[in-house]
Amino acid sequence: MPAEKVREYADGLCYTDLMAGYYLGAPDEVLQAIADYSAWFFVWDDRHDRDIVHERPDAWRRLRFRLHAALDSPRHHLFHPDPLVAGFADSVTRIYSFLPDTWNARFARHFHAVIEAYDREFHNRTEGIVPTVDEYLALRRLTFAHWIWTDLLEASAGCELPDSVRKSSGYRRAALLSQEFAAWYNDLCSLPKEIAGDEVHNLGISLIKHEGLTLEEAVAELRRRIEECIAEFLEAERETLRLADRLDDGTARGAELSAAVRANLGNMRNWFSSVYWFHHESGRYMVDSWDDRSTPPYVNNEAAGEK
């Protein structure tokens, strides 16, 4: 995004506002790092999109490998000539400072998978491959970075959760449902833009292509799935609250874990309202106001990027 476009559009895109509504209670330095990382993620998503639109596989391949390298050694990439790589390294360096190395390793493992999922999306879109519904749902959990945003809840709460808590059925289900809601609501709001751009990665498009639904039926099915996420989350929330009660066993560690689970669960709930608000306030989804419904006005649409 060129500097003049940042000045014109950045505030209206509401990227940092989205995170401020999710990670409530986070210390200022943690929230700032997460908000900057989120803004970087959107810019990366736009670079990925433009590399596809302008048929720049070499540029994408170089960026892919550079991001993998920066994730493993962010301090060595702080001054990389590509601002996207340097910005990523800066965000990761700050994020890695909040919790133990075991958490950092998990975050890195999860984001390496996200990068590779973006590569699969690159292949699908350049080859015109519409994934089946099941294929899409599995890939979307990675391209939407479900487990990254869930990991960052622990940074927000200042407490790395043990596997026995993080992988418990209620906690994991609540985390997944809050992210599924966000991903599918994003698909619903992005559908006009992505149909206009002949894209292939959207749950609605997979439903139309592989389930034989009309556009109206696909929209109705998306809404049904979104509403189902809310109902199922409420059940998982109750189960997770019972887990928090059991964790508070009278010890200091039990009290710490219980408080962290409650804080994370509360922010999973916040994600629903924050995501809903964001999609109706951010200029990223106001396609009716764009000259070209397939091209956001805030991106650099020149066929550049082969550095």
Protein backbone atom coordinates (compact mmCIF):
# COMPACT_ATOMS: atom_id res chain seq x y z
CA MET A 1 0.00 0.00 0.00
CA PRO A 2 1.67 3.29 -1.08
CA ALA A 3 2.06 5.98 1.58
CA GLU A 4 -0.64 8.22 0.13
CA LYS A 5 -3.10 5.33 0.16
CA VAL A 6 -2.20 4.55 3.77
CA ARG A 7 -3.10 8.13 4.70
CA GLU A 8 -6.36 7.94 2.75
CA TYR A 9 -7.61 4.47 3.65
CA ALA A 10 -5.84 2.97 6.71
CA ASP A 11 -8.13 4.30 9.43
CA GLY A 12 -11.23 3.30 7.50
CA LEU A 13 -10.01 -0.28 7.12
CA CYS A 14 -10.27 -0.72 10.93
CA TYR A 15 -7.63 -3.46 11.11
CA THR A 16 -6.35 -2.52 14.57
CA ASP A 17 -9.89 -1.88 15.86
CA LEU A 18 -10.73 -5.52 15.07
CA MET A 19 -8.00 -6.78 17.37
CA ALA A 20 -8.85 -4.26 20.10
CA GLY A 21 -12.30 -5.82 20.27
CA TYR A 22 -10.90 -9.35 20.55
CA TYR A 23 -8.00 -9.28 22.98
CA LEU A 24 -9.65 -7.35 25.79
CA GLY A 25 -7.54 -7.09 28.92
CA ALA A 26 -4.22 -7.50 27.13
CA PRO A 27 -1.36 -5.26 28.29
CA ASP A 28 -0.80 -2.33 25.94
CA GLU A 29 2.44 -3.69 24.49
CA VAL A 30 0.82 -7.07 23.76
CA LEU A 31 -2.24 -5.54 22.16
CA GLN A 32 -0.08 -3.23 20.04
CA ALA A 33 2.05 -6.14 18.83
CA ILE A 34 -1.04 -8.21 17.96
CA ALA A 35 -2.72 -5.26 16.24
CA ASP A 36 0.40 -4.57 14.15
CA TYR A 37 0.66 -8.25 13.27
CA SER A 38 -3.01 -8.27 12.23
CA ALA A 39 -2.51 -5.22 10.00
CA TRP A 40 0.53 -6.95 8.49
CA PHE A 41 -1.57 -10.07 7.86
CA PHE A 42 -4.12 -8.12 5.82
CA VAL A 43 -1.36 -6.47 3.77
CA TRP A 44 0.23 -9.89 3.18
CA ASP A 45 -3.14 -11.22 2.05
CA ASP A 46 -3.40 -8.37 -0.45
CA ARG A 47 0.15 -8.98 -1.75
CA HIS A 48 -0.71 -12.65 -2.19
CA ASP A 49 -3.86 -11.66 -4.09
CA ARG A 50 -2.00 -9.24 -6.39
CA ASP A 51 0.71 -11.82 -7.08
CA ILE A 52 -2.06 -14.13 -8.29
CA VAL A 53 -3.89 -11.46 -10.31
CA HIS A 54 -0.68 -10.30 -12.02
CA GLU A 55 0.65 -13.86 -12.50
CA ARG A 56 3.80 -13.46 -10.40
CA PRO A 57 4.61 -17.00 -9.25
CA ASP A 58 8.33 -16.25 -8.83
CA ALA A 59 7.61 -13.26 -6.59
CA TRP A 60 5.22 -15.32 -4.48
CA ARG A 61 7.68 -18.22 -4.20
CA ARG A 62 10.44 -15.90 -2.99
CA LEU A 63 8.13 -14.27 -0.46
CA ARG A 64 6.95 -17.66 0.78
CA PHE A 65 10.49 -18.86 1.50
CA ARG A 66 11.51 -15.53 3.05
CA LEU A 67 8.57 -15.62 5.45
CA HIS A 68 9.44 -19.17 6.53
CA ALA A 69 13.00 -18.00 7.21
CA ALA A 70 11.89 -14.85 9.05
CA LEU A 71 9.55 -16.90 11.23
CA ASP A 72 12.46 -19.07 12.38
CA SER A 73 14.94 -16.20 12.88
CA PRO A 74 13.02 -12.92 12.96
CA ARG A 75 15.87 -10.79 14.36
CA HIS A 76 17.97 -11.61 11.30
CA HIS A 77 15.26 -10.20 9.01
CA LEU A 78 14.43 -6.91 10.75
CA PHE A 79 16.16 -4.90 8.02
CA HIS A 80 15.15 -7.00 5.03
CA PRO A 81 14.78 -4.89 1.86
CA ASP A 82 11.23 -6.15 1.33
CA PRO A 83 9.12 -4.12 3.83
CA LEU A 84 6.64 -6.99 4.07
CA VAL A 85 9.34 -9.35 5.31
CA ALA A 86 10.86 -6.74 7.64
CA GLY A 87 7.43 -5.88 9.06
CA PHE A 88 6.69 -9.53 9.67
CA ALA A 89 10.04 -10.00 11.41
CA ASP A 90 9.34 -6.99 13.63
CA SER A 91 5.91 -8.29 14.64
CA VAL A 92 7.16 -11.80 15.35
CA THR A 93 10.14 -10.54 17.35
CA ARG A 94 7.78 -8.63 19.63
CA ILE A 95 5.25 -11.46 19.86
CA TYR A 96 8.02 -13.92 20.80
CA SER A 97 8.93 -11.79 23.84
CA PHE A 98 5.74 -12.41 25.83
CA LEU A 99 5.61 -16.15 26.59
CA PRO A 100 8.10 -19.06 26.93
CA ASP A 101 9.98 -20.66 24.04
CA THR A 102 7.56 -23.59 24.03
CA TRP A 103 4.73 -21.22 23.10
CA ASN A 104 6.92 -19.53 20.49
CA ALA A 105 7.65 -22.90 18.90
CA ARG A 106 3.95 -23.71 18.74
CA PHE A 107 3.16 -20.31 17.19
CA ALA A 108 5.90 -20.85 14.60
CA ARG A 109 4.66 -24.35 13.80
CA HIS A 110 1.14 -23.03 13.29
CA PHE A 111 2.25 -20.15 11.08
CA HIS A 112 4.52 -22.31 8.92
CA ALA A 113 1.33 -24.26 8.14
CA VAL A 114 -0.49 -21.02 7.30
CA ILE A 115 2.21 -20.03 4.80
CA GLU A 116 1.96 -23.41 3.09
CA ALA A 117 -1.84 -23.15 3.00
CA TYR A 118 -1.49 -19.80 1.23
CA ASP A 119 0.71 -21.57 -1.31
CA ARG A 120 -2.03 -24.15 -1.91
CA GLU A 121 -4.51 -21.33 -2.38
CA PHE A 122 -2.11 -19.70 -4.85
CA HIS A 123 -2.04 -22.94 -6.84
CA ASN A 124 -5.83 -23.37 -6.74
CA ARG A 125 -6.52 -19.83 -7.87
CA THR A 126 -3.93 -19.77 -10.64
CA GLU A 127 -5.18 -23.13 -11.93
CA GLY A 128 -8.87 -22.24 -11.50
CA ILE A 129 -9.46 -25.12 -9.07
CA VAL A 130 -12.52 -24.76 -6.83
CA PRO A 131 -11.95 -27.02 -3.80
CA THR A 132 -14.76 -29.27 -2.60
CA VAL A 133 -16.62 -28.11 0.49
CA ASP A 134 -14.66 -30.44 2.79
CA GLU A 135 -11.35 -29.51 1.16
CA TYR A 136 -12.17 -25.86 1.46
CA LEU A 137 -13.18 -26.04 5.12
CA ALA A 138 -9.91 -27.78 6.03
CA LEU A 139 -7.82 -25.29 4.04
CA ARG A 140 -9.77 -22.30 5.36
CA ARG A 141 -8.86 -23.17 8.93
CA LEU A 142 -5.27 -22.61 7.89
CA THR A 143 -5.59 -19.60 5.56
CA PHE A 144 -7.73 -17.85 8.17
CA ALA A 145 -5.08 -18.79 10.75
CA HIS A 146 -7.57 -20.22 13.26
CA TRP A 147 -4.93 -21.50 15.65
CA ILE A 148 -2.73 -18.40 15.38
CA TRP A 149 -5.48 -16.11 16.70
CA THR A 150 -6.29 -18.71 19.35
CA ASP A 151 -2.62 -18.95 20.39
CA LEU A 152 -2.52 -15.17 20.79
CA LEU A 153 -5.28 -15.37 23.39
CA GLU A 154 -2.67 -16.86 25.70
CA ALA A 155 -0.31 -13.95 25.05
CA SER A 156 -3.19 -11.59 25.81
CA ALA A 157 -3.86 -13.36 29.12
CA GLY A 158 -0.14 -13.66 29.91
CA CYS A 159 -0.39 -17.40 30.51
CA GLU A 160 0.71 -20.34 28.38
CA LEU A 161 -1.88 -23.09 28.78
CA PRO A 162 -0.82 -26.73 29.19
CA ASP A 163 -1.95 -29.21 26.54
CA SER A 164 -4.39 -30.78 28.98
CA VAL A 165 -6.31 -27.50 29.05
CA ARG A 166 -5.75 -26.24 25.53
CA LYS A 167 -6.71 -29.56 23.95
CA SER A 168 -9.66 -30.27 26.22
CA SER A 169 -12.83 -30.84 24.22
CA GLY A 170 -14.73 -27.78 25.43
CA TYR A 171 -11.89 -25.27 25.12
CA ARG A 172 -10.76 -26.48 21.71
CA ARG A 173 -14.34 -26.62 20.43
CA ALA A 174 -15.11 -23.10 21.66
CA ALA A 175 -11.93 -21.78 20.03
CA LEU A 176 -12.68 -23.53 16.74
CA LEU A 177 -16.29 -22.34 16.61
CA SER A 178 -15.37 -18.71 17.27
CA GLN A 179 -12.90 -18.87 14.39
CA GLU A 180 -15.25 -20.77 12.08
CA PHE A 181 -17.86 -18.06 12.64
CA ALA A 182 -15.30 -15.42 11.68
CA ALA A 183 -14.11 -17.28 8.58
CA TRP A 184 -17.57 -18.06 7.29
CA TYR A 185 -18.94 -14.60 8.02
CA ASN A 186 -15.94 -13.25 6.14
CA ASP A 187 -16.85 -15.53 3.22
CA LEU A 188 -20.42 -14.27 3.30
CA CYS A 189 -19.32 -10.62 3.23
CA SER A 190 -16.55 -11.25 0.66
CA LEU A 191 -18.73 -13.26 -1.72
CA PRO A 192 -19.72 -10.33 -4.02
CA LYS A 193 -16.09 -9.19 -4.35
CA GLU A 194 -14.79 -12.71 -4.93
CA ILE A 195 -17.44 -13.65 -7.49
CA ALA A 196 -16.65 -10.39 -9.34
CA GLY A 197 -12.97 -11.32 -9.31
CA ASP A 198 -13.54 -14.89 -10.55
CA GLU A 199 -11.98 -16.26 -7.36
CA VAL A 200 -12.30 -19.87 -6.27
CA HIS A 201 -11.68 -19.72 -2.50
CA ASN A 202 -14.96 -19.02 -0.74
CA LEU A 203 -17.33 -21.43 0.96
CA GLY A 204 -20.21 -20.00 -1.06
CA ILE A 205 -18.37 -20.65 -4.32
CA SER A 206 -17.58 -24.24 -3.28
CA LEU A 207 -21.25 -24.79 -2.42
CA ILE A 208 -22.31 -23.47 -5.83
CA LYS A 209 -19.70 -25.48 -7.74
CA HIS A 210 -19.81 -28.83 -5.94
CA GLU A 211 -23.23 -28.94 -4.23
CA GLY A 212 -25.18 -27.48 -7.15
CA LEU A 213 -26.65 -24.62 -5.12
CA THR A 214 -27.81 -21.37 -6.63
CA LEU A 215 -26.26 -18.14 -5.36
CA GLU A 216 -29.31 -17.50 -3.19
CA GLU A 217 -29.21 -21.04 -1.79
CA ALA A 218 -25.46 -20.76 -1.10
CA VAL A 219 -26.00 -17.52 0.82
CA ALA A 220 -28.78 -19.17 2.84
CA GLU A 221 -26.52 -22.15 3.63
CA LEU A 222 -23.70 -19.85 4.71
CA ARG A 223 -26.09 -18.06 7.05
CA ARG A 224 -27.32 -21.37 8.45
CA ARG A 225 -23.78 -22.52 9.19
CA ILE A 226 -22.94 -19.18 10.80
CA GLU A 227 -25.99 -19.33 13.06
CA GLU A 228 -25.16 -22.93 13.96
CA CYS A 229 -21.67 -21.81 15.04
CA ILE A 230 -23.24 -19.43 17.54
CA ALA A 231 -25.54 -22.06 19.02
CA GLU A 232 -22.77 -24.66 19.29
CA PHE A 233 -20.39 -22.12 20.80
CA LEU A 234 -22.81 -21.49 23.66
CA GLU A 235 -22.73 -25.22 24.48
CA ALA A 236 -18.92 -25.35 24.31
CA GLU A 237 -18.74 -22.21 26.44
CA ARG A 238 -20.71 -23.87 29.24
CA GLU A 239 -18.42 -26.91 29.12
CA THR A 240 -15.33 -24.70 29.25
CA LEU A 241 -16.67 -22.72 32.22
CA ARG A 242 -17.04 -26.01 34.08
CA LEU A 243 -13.41 -26.75 33.21
CA ALA A 244 -12.39 -23.37 34.64
CA ASP A 245 -14.23 -24.21 37.85
CA ARG A 246 -12.38 -27.53 38.16
CA LEU A 247 -9.01 -25.90 37.51
CA ASP A 248 -9.45 -23.54 40.46
CA ASP A 249 -8.36 -26.15 43.02
CA GLY A 250 -7.17 -23.83 45.76
CA THR A 251 -3.59 -23.59 44.50
CA ALA A 252 -1.95 -20.50 42.99
CA ARG A 253 -1.36 -22.35 39.72
CA GLY A 254 -4.95 -23.54 39.60
CA ALA A 255 -6.21 -19.99 40.14
CA GLU A 256 -3.91 -18.71 37.38
CA LEU A 257 -5.07 -21.31 34.85
CA SER A 258 -8.71 -20.83 35.75
CA ALA A 259 -8.45 -17.08 35.30
CA ALA A 260 -6.65 -17.48 31.95
CA VAL A 261 -9.26 -19.90 30.64
CA ARG A 262 -12.06 -17.54 31.65
CA ALA A 263 -10.30 -14.57 30.05
CA ASN A 264 -9.65 -16.50 26.81
CA LEU A 265 -13.18 -17.83 26.69
CA GLY A 266 -14.60 -14.36 27.22
CA ASN A 267 -12.51 -13.09 24.33
CA MET A 268 -13.63 -15.97 22.12
CA ARG A 269 -17.14 -14.67 22.77
CA ASN A 270 -15.95 -11.12 21.99
CA TRP A 271 -14.67 -12.35 18.61
CA PHE A 272 -18.24 -12.83 17.38
CA SER A 273 -19.25 -9.21 17.95
CA SER A 274 -15.88 -7.80 16.89
CA VAL A 275 -15.92 -9.72 13.60
CA TYR A 276 -19.54 -8.75 12.93
CA TRP A 277 -18.79 -5.07 13.60
CA PHE A 278 -15.62 -5.13 11.50
CA HIS A 279 -17.30 -6.50 8.39
CA HIS A 280 -19.89 -3.73 8.45
CA GLU A 281 -17.50 -0.87 9.27
CA SER A 282 -14.28 -1.69 7.41
CA GLY A 283 -13.77 -0.24 3.96
CA ARG A 284 -12.36 -3.63 3.00
CA TYR A 285 -15.88 -4.93 2.37
CA MET A 286 -17.67 -1.85 0.98
CA VAL A 287 -17.49 -3.16 -2.57
CA ASP A 288 -20.50 -1.19 -3.76
CA SER A 289 -18.45 1.99 -3.41
CA TRP A 290 -15.52 0.69 -5.49
CA ASP A 291 -15.01 1.53 -9.16
CA ASP A 292 -14.10 -2.12 -9.75
CA ARG A 293 -15.83 -4.58 -7.41
CA SER A 294 -12.97 -7.08 -7.84
CA THR A 295 -10.17 -4.64 -6.92
CA PRO A 296 -9.93 -2.79 -3.60
CA PRO A 297 -9.09 0.89 -4.16
CA TYR A 298 -6.43 0.82 -1.43
CA VAL A 299 -4.08 -1.72 -3.04
CA ASN A 300 -1.27 -1.00 -5.45
CA ASN A 301 -2.62 -2.69 -8.56
CA GLU A 302 0.44 -2.14 -10.72
CA ALA A 303 2.08 -5.26 -12.15
CA ALA A 304 5.11 -4.86 -9.92
CA GLY A 305 6.58 -6.92 -7.11
CA GLU A 306 9.23 -8.98 -8.86
CA LYS A 307 12.04 -7.69 -6.61
